[in-house]
Protein backbone atom coordinates (compact mmCIF):
# COMPACT_ATOMS: atom_id res chain seq x y z
CA MET A 1 -0.13 -0.06 -0.12
CA ALA A 2 1.15 3.58 -0.64
CA THR A 3 -0.20 7.05 0.12
CA SER A 4 -1.46 9.35 -2.84
CA HIS A 5 1.28 11.99 -2.18
CA LEU A 6 4.57 10.18 -2.31
CA GLU A 7 6.15 13.65 -2.25
CA TYR A 8 5.08 14.42 1.30
CA ASN A 9 7.86 14.20 3.88
CA GLU A 10 8.97 15.35 7.40
CA LYS A 11 8.67 18.92 6.30
CA THR A 12 4.94 18.76 5.17
CA SER A 13 2.52 20.52 7.17
CA ALA A 14 -1.01 19.49 8.34
CA THR A 15 -2.40 22.87 6.91
CA GLU A 16 -1.02 21.53 3.24
CA VAL A 17 -2.49 18.00 3.87
CA ALA A 18 -5.87 19.38 5.04
CA SER A 19 -6.15 21.57 2.10
CA ALA A 20 -5.37 18.65 -0.23
CA PHE A 21 -7.86 16.48 1.26
CA ALA A 22 -10.60 19.14 1.94
CA SER A 23 -13.47 17.14 0.31
CA HIS A 24 -12.85 14.44 2.81
CA ILE A 25 -13.05 16.65 5.86
CA ARG A 26 -15.97 18.73 4.68
CA ASP A 27 -19.23 18.12 6.67
CA LYS A 28 -17.57 15.14 8.57
CA ASN A 29 -17.81 14.78 12.63
CA VAL A 30 -14.32 14.78 14.07
CA VAL A 31 -13.23 13.98 17.69
CA ILE A 32 -9.69 14.70 18.75
CA THR A 33 -8.05 13.96 22.02
CA GLY A 34 -5.23 15.79 23.63
CA VAL A 35 -6.20 19.25 22.52
CA GLY A 36 -4.52 22.20 24.33
CA PRO A 37 -2.89 25.62 23.30
CA ASN A 38 0.54 25.07 21.52
CA SER A 39 0.25 21.38 21.16
CA LEU A 40 -0.12 18.79 18.21
CA GLY A 41 -3.91 18.65 19.20
CA GLU A 42 -4.19 22.39 18.36
CA ALA A 43 -2.38 22.09 15.12
CA LEU A 44 -4.86 19.12 14.12
CA ALA A 45 -7.81 21.29 15.30
CA LEU A 46 -6.97 24.27 13.25
CA ALA A 47 -5.81 22.35 10.16
CA ILE A 48 -9.14 20.23 10.22
CA GLY A 49 -11.29 23.25 11.28
CA SER A 50 -9.92 25.21 8.29
CA GLN A 51 -11.77 22.73 5.89
CA LYS A 52 -15.33 23.14 7.26
CA PRO A 53 -16.06 19.91 9.31
CA ARG A 54 -19.65 19.61 10.42
CA ASN A 55 -18.79 19.08 13.85
CA LEU A 56 -15.38 19.39 15.53
CA ILE A 57 -15.31 17.82 19.22
CA LEU A 58 -12.16 18.74 21.10
CA ALA A 59 -11.39 16.70 24.22
CA SER A 60 -8.70 17.52 26.90
CA ARG A 61 -8.04 17.19 30.56
CA THR A 62 -8.06 20.95 31.31
CA LYS A 63 -11.33 22.68 30.47
CA ALA A 64 -9.89 26.05 30.16
CA LYS A 65 -7.24 25.03 27.78
CA VAL A 66 -9.33 23.08 25.57
CA GLN A 67 -11.84 25.94 25.37
CA GLU A 68 -9.17 28.25 24.28
CA VAL A 69 -8.44 26.11 21.22
CA ALA A 70 -12.03 25.63 20.53
CA ALA A 71 -12.39 29.62 20.42
CA LYS A 72 -9.50 29.74 17.85
CA VAL A 73 -11.33 27.04 15.76
CA GLN A 74 -14.48 28.68 16.02
CA ASP A 75 -13.20 32.12 14.79
CA LEU A 76 -11.48 30.25 11.97
CA SER A 77 -14.62 28.30 10.89
CA PRO A 78 -17.69 29.90 12.09
CA GLU A 79 -19.91 27.45 10.14
CA THR A 80 -18.63 24.49 12.19
CA SER A 81 -20.03 23.54 15.28
CA VAL A 82 -16.91 23.28 17.80
CA GLU A 83 -17.45 21.63 21.24
CA ALA A 84 -15.19 21.16 24.10
CA VAL A 85 -15.30 18.25 26.26
CA VAL A 86 -13.51 17.43 29.36
CA LEU A 87 -11.33 14.13 29.17
CA ASN A 88 -9.06 12.94 31.83
CA LEU A 89 -7.63 9.69 30.33
CA ALA A 90 -6.27 8.66 33.74
CA SER A 91 -9.69 8.35 35.15
CA GLN A 92 -11.99 5.85 33.83
CA LYS A 93 -14.94 7.61 35.56
CA SER A 94 -14.07 10.74 33.37
CA ILE A 95 -13.77 8.72 30.10
CA HIS A 96 -17.18 7.41 30.49
CA GLU A 97 -18.58 10.92 31.12
CA ALA A 98 -16.78 12.40 28.01
CA ALA A 99 -17.92 9.49 26.00
CA SER A 100 -21.50 9.97 27.04
CA LYS A 101 -21.14 13.73 26.40
CA ILE A 102 -19.88 13.01 23.01
CA GLN A 103 -22.78 10.75 22.12
CA SER A 104 -25.27 13.21 23.14
CA LEU A 105 -23.47 15.82 20.77
CA ALA A 106 -23.31 13.58 17.59
CA ASP A 107 -25.02 10.42 16.43
CA ARG A 108 -21.98 9.45 14.34
CA VAL A 109 -18.08 10.05 14.50
CA ASP A 110 -16.37 9.98 11.11
CA THR A 111 -12.85 10.43 12.39
CA LEU A 112 -11.46 9.78 15.92
CA ILE A 113 -7.72 10.95 16.38
CA ASN A 114 -6.47 9.63 19.79
CA ASN A 115 -3.72 12.19 19.92
CA ALA A 116 -3.23 12.66 23.71
CA GLY A 117 -0.34 11.29 25.52
CA MET A 118 2.22 11.66 28.45
CA MET A 119 5.74 10.84 29.38
CA VAL A 120 7.01 10.73 32.96
CA LEU A 121 10.14 9.31 34.67
CA GLU A 122 8.85 8.65 38.10
CA ARG A 123 6.26 6.20 38.84
CA GLU A 124 2.70 7.48 38.81
CA THR A 125 -0.66 5.67 38.58
CA THR A 126 -4.15 6.32 37.32
CA ASP A 127 -7.34 6.62 39.48
CA GLU A 128 -7.57 2.72 38.94
CA GLY A 129 -4.06 2.20 40.00
CA ILE A 130 -2.55 1.25 36.45
CA GLU A 131 0.89 2.56 35.62
CA VAL A 132 0.00 6.04 34.21
CA GLN A 133 1.55 5.89 30.80
CA PHE A 134 0.23 2.48 30.19
CA GLY A 135 -3.17 3.53 31.81
CA THR A 136 -3.35 6.92 29.95
CA ASN A 137 -1.67 6.43 26.73
CA HIS A 138 -3.34 3.01 26.00
CA VAL A 139 -5.96 1.82 28.40
CA GLY A 140 -7.74 5.24 28.54
CA HIS A 141 -7.97 5.31 24.71
CA PHE A 142 -8.88 1.55 24.68
CA LEU A 143 -11.84 2.62 26.62
CA PHE A 144 -12.79 5.69 25.12
CA THR A 145 -12.75 4.26 21.59
CA ASN A 146 -14.71 1.41 22.35
CA LEU A 147 -17.45 3.55 24.06
CA LEU A 148 -17.57 5.39 20.85
CA ILE A 149 -17.74 2.50 18.48
CA PRO A 150 -21.50 2.72 18.02
CA GLN A 151 -20.97 6.37 16.62
CA LEU A 152 -18.18 5.15 14.40
CA LYS A 153 -20.29 2.40 12.88
CA ASN A 154 -23.05 4.92 12.39
CA ALA A 155 -20.57 6.90 10.29
CA ALA A 156 -19.40 4.06 8.30
CA LYS A 157 -23.02 3.09 7.45
CA VAL A 158 -23.37 6.28 5.47
CA SER A 159 -19.91 6.59 4.18
CA GLY A 160 -17.90 4.49 1.76
CA PRO A 161 -15.73 1.81 3.18
CA GLY A 162 -12.55 3.05 4.72
CA SER A 163 -13.72 6.69 5.10
CA THR A 164 -14.47 6.13 8.97
CA ARG A 165 -11.09 5.91 10.73
CA ILE A 166 -9.49 5.60 13.98
CA ILE A 167 -6.18 7.21 14.28
CA ASN A 168 -3.89 6.27 17.30
CA VAL A 169 -0.92 8.42 17.93
CA THR A 170 1.97 6.35 18.73
CA SER A 171 5.75 6.94 18.76
CA ALA A 172 9.28 5.48 17.24
CA GLY A 173 9.70 5.20 21.25
CA HIS A 174 7.65 1.74 20.78
CA ARG A 175 10.97 0.19 19.97
CA LEU A 176 12.14 0.52 23.53
CA SER A 177 9.91 -2.14 24.93
CA PRO A 178 7.01 -4.82 23.97
CA VAL A 179 4.00 -4.99 26.12
CA ARG A 180 5.02 -6.43 29.36
CA PHE A 181 1.94 -8.81 29.96
CA SER A 182 3.59 -10.25 32.91
CA ASP A 183 4.61 -7.12 34.59
CA TYR A 184 2.58 -4.13 32.80
CA ASN A 185 2.84 -2.04 35.89
CA LEU A 186 6.75 -2.55 36.06
CA GLU A 187 6.72 -3.64 39.62
CA GLY A 188 10.05 -5.70 39.18
CA LYS A 189 8.35 -8.99 38.36
CA ASP A 190 10.25 -11.39 36.15
CA VAL A 191 9.34 -11.42 32.49
CA PRO A 192 9.88 -13.72 29.76
CA ILE A 193 12.50 -13.07 27.11
CA ASP A 194 9.84 -11.97 24.62
CA GLU A 195 8.64 -9.14 26.94
CA ARG A 196 12.03 -7.93 27.84
CA PRO A 197 13.57 -4.61 26.28
CA PRO A 198 15.77 -5.24 23.15
CA ASP A 199 19.34 -5.87 23.91
CA GLY A 200 21.75 -3.20 23.44
CA LEU A 201 19.93 -0.19 25.31
CA PRO A 202 22.08 2.19 27.24
CA PRO A 203 21.83 1.82 31.03
CA MET A 204 19.47 4.55 31.41
CA PHE A 205 16.86 2.29 30.18
CA SER A 206 17.37 -0.48 32.82
CA THR A 207 14.56 -0.94 35.47
CA THR A 208 15.41 0.18 38.98
CA ALA A 209 15.35 -2.25 42.01
CA GLU A 210 11.50 -1.48 42.20
CA GLY A 211 11.15 -2.54 38.54
CA TYR A 212 10.16 0.91 37.11
CA ASN A 213 11.87 2.80 34.33
CA GLY A 214 9.73 5.70 32.84
CA TRP A 215 11.44 5.28 29.43
CA LEU A 216 10.43 1.58 29.18
CA ALA A 217 6.86 2.31 30.44
CA TYR A 218 6.43 4.89 27.60
CA GLY A 219 7.78 2.40 25.07
CA GLN A 220 5.47 -0.10 26.41
CA SER A 221 2.35 2.31 25.98
CA LYS A 222 3.36 3.22 22.36
CA THR A 223 3.70 -0.42 21.57
CA ALA A 224 0.29 -0.85 22.90
CA ASN A 225 -0.95 2.01 20.77
CA ILE A 226 0.11 -0.02 17.63
CA LEU A 227 -1.25 -3.30 18.64
CA PHE A 228 -4.60 -1.83 19.36
CA THR A 229 -4.47 -0.47 16.01
CA VAL A 230 -3.68 -3.91 14.45
CA TYR A 231 -6.68 -5.36 16.42
CA LEU A 232 -9.01 -2.65 15.20
CA SER A 233 -7.69 -3.01 11.68
CA GLN A 234 -8.40 -6.66 11.75
CA HIS A 235 -11.73 -6.57 13.57
CA MET A 236 -13.35 -3.48 12.20
CA ALA A 237 -12.84 -3.80 8.44
CA SER A 238 -16.18 -5.61 8.01
CA SER A 239 -17.84 -2.59 9.40
CA GLY A 240 -16.06 -0.27 6.90
CA ILE A 241 -14.03 1.18 9.68
CA VAL A 242 -10.08 1.33 9.51
CA SER A 243 -7.40 2.19 11.84
CA TYR A 244 -3.79 3.54 11.63
CA GLY A 245 -0.85 4.24 13.91
CA VAL A 246 1.03 7.34 13.41
CA HIS A 247 4.48 8.55 14.67
CA PRO A 248 4.16 12.39 14.48
CA GLY A 249 8.09 12.73 14.30
CA SER A 250 10.45 14.74 16.56
CA ILE A 251 8.72 17.49 18.05
CA TRP A 252 9.09 19.27 21.27
CA THR A 253 5.52 19.39 22.97
CA GLY A 254 4.01 19.18 26.39
CA LEU A 255 4.73 15.55 26.45
CA SER A 256 8.28 16.26 27.36
CA ARG A 257 7.31 18.33 30.58
CA GLY A 258 8.18 15.26 32.73
CA LEU A 259 12.05 14.99 31.59
CA ASP A 260 14.70 15.60 33.64
CA ASP A 261 18.08 17.13 32.28
CA ILE A 262 19.35 13.68 31.10
CA GLY A 263 16.10 13.00 29.50
CA TYR A 264 16.18 16.29 27.60
CA GLU A 265 19.76 15.56 26.50
CA THR A 266 18.71 12.06 25.48
CA MET A 267 15.69 13.37 23.36
CA SER A 268 17.75 16.03 21.71
CA LYS A 269 20.01 13.46 20.21
CA THR A 270 17.13 11.24 18.67
CA SER A 271 16.64 13.46 15.62
CA SER A 272 18.40 15.66 13.16
CA PHE A 273 15.20 17.42 12.19
CA TRP A 274 12.56 18.67 14.71
CA LYS A 275 9.24 19.71 13.43
CA ASN A 276 6.93 22.54 14.30
CA ALA A 277 3.34 21.57 15.50
CA ASP A 278 1.82 22.05 11.98
CA GLN A 279 4.60 19.58 10.60
CA GLY A 280 4.05 17.31 13.62
CA ALA A 281 0.23 16.90 12.80
CA ALA A 282 0.69 16.26 9.23
CA THR A 283 1.04 12.39 9.19
CA MET A 284 -2.18 12.15 11.48
CA LEU A 285 -4.01 13.93 8.56
CA VAL A 286 -2.58 11.70 5.92
CA ALA A 287 -3.62 8.72 7.96
CA ALA A 288 -7.12 10.04 8.51
CA TYR A 289 -8.09 11.46 5.27
CA ASP A 290 -5.88 10.05 2.39
CA PRO A 291 -8.47 8.21 0.19
CA ALA A 292 -5.56 5.79 -1.00
CA LEU A 293 -5.66 4.42 2.56
CA LYS A 294 -8.26 1.56 2.82
CA ALA A 295 -8.75 -1.51 4.79
CA VAL A 296 -5.53 -3.15 6.06
CA SER A 297 -5.11 -6.92 5.32
CA ASP A 298 -1.50 -7.09 6.56
CA PRO A 299 -1.13 -6.24 10.26
CA SER A 300 2.28 -4.89 9.38
CA GLU A 301 0.79 -2.15 7.17
CA VAL A 302 -0.85 0.05 9.96
CA TYR A 303 2.13 2.55 10.71
CA LEU A 304 3.04 5.89 9.30
CA SER A 305 5.82 8.31 9.90
CA ASP A 306 6.74 11.50 7.90
CA CYS A 307 3.46 11.09 5.92
CA GLN A 308 4.32 7.69 4.64
CA PHE A 309 4.20 4.22 5.46
CA ALA A 310 7.02 2.86 7.63
CA LYS A 311 8.18 -0.30 9.38
CA THR A 312 7.59 -0.87 12.98
CA ALA A 313 9.55 -3.12 15.51
CA PRO A 314 8.15 -6.76 14.97
CA HIS A 315 6.77 -6.75 18.56
CA ALA A 316 4.27 -4.05 17.77
CA VAL A 317 2.44 -5.83 15.05
CA ASN A 318 2.10 -9.34 16.23
CA MET A 319 -1.41 -10.35 16.03
CA ASP A 320 -1.38 -12.70 18.83
CA SER A 321 -0.07 -9.86 21.02
CA ALA A 322 -2.68 -7.72 19.76
CA GLU A 323 -5.33 -10.25 20.81
CA ARG A 324 -3.73 -10.74 24.10
CA LEU A 325 -3.69 -6.98 24.67
CA PHE A 326 -7.23 -6.44 23.92
CA HIS A 327 -8.43 -8.92 26.34
CA LEU A 328 -6.04 -7.62 29.01
CA SER A 329 -7.43 -4.05 28.39
CA GLU A 330 -11.14 -5.45 28.83
CA LYS A 331 -9.99 -6.71 32.13
CA LEU A 332 -8.46 -3.45 33.18
CA VAL A 333 -11.71 -1.48 32.30
CA GLY A 334 -14.18 -4.31 33.34
CA ILE A 335 -16.07 -4.30 30.17
CA LYS A 336 -16.12 -6.85 27.42
CA PHE A 337 -16.55 -5.36 23.97
CA ALA A 338 -17.88 -7.10 20.81
CA LEU A 339 -16.70 -5.27 17.84
């Protein structure tokens, strides 16, 4: 599979992509998580908002911040209905409330962009006691997405196959760790070889005596984003819904607010090209609206970077792991979902 714009690359902007796919955005209902000022979420909202979607629902943990972005988009596109929804992905109660609010606002969702994410170096947990990066970046979005499946299916019924899409924002950081099914809270339990980090990582990626390493926890959560995408791509195609995982590229965002000096130094060495927010949001829009992207038969073809398809670490596209993660996630949210 290939995109329809092979000339797009790391320098392409979301504004440019939205303009190119304007007819696929117009009159659609769009939900974006992780929307705040000076963020990838804001860049996504502004780019999509510029092409007259019918409803743009922006979700974030902080009401004032998401309302600030909503006001900007409303000024840009007065004919679009723009709604701000409070969503704390570290609280399953908040996720249920946000999903219920969205269900009352729109009977269908054409595009869901799970953009929110966090990275911390010290152990934190969600309201339910799950390690906070796994719990927020994956489990929170897992619950949120599944609660909106009826709205996504409604959209797919009135759109062509492959037009309704779920975009999960992941990271090249998925290469740091598989999902640690035996120790997803990183509590120091012994894990089998296939759940351990790859060989050759620097000492800073080693777990502590208590079992925790923020980098590995982040890597696990980003692998989970891709495995969830793999599961959705295989199980939702019959409903006309497709899913893609996206690495935005190297960009300094609020995601890095939890890093210490060593963390900043490490991050600064990971790329020779640092994107602005508009460039960072571009690949999400390719994944969300490029008509060349349809149902995925090969689980390895779900990942995009720099506006083109890219390869993942093998542990991120293993179908058995995707199935196992889905059922673990159901257990962690206390609900069985029939897709």
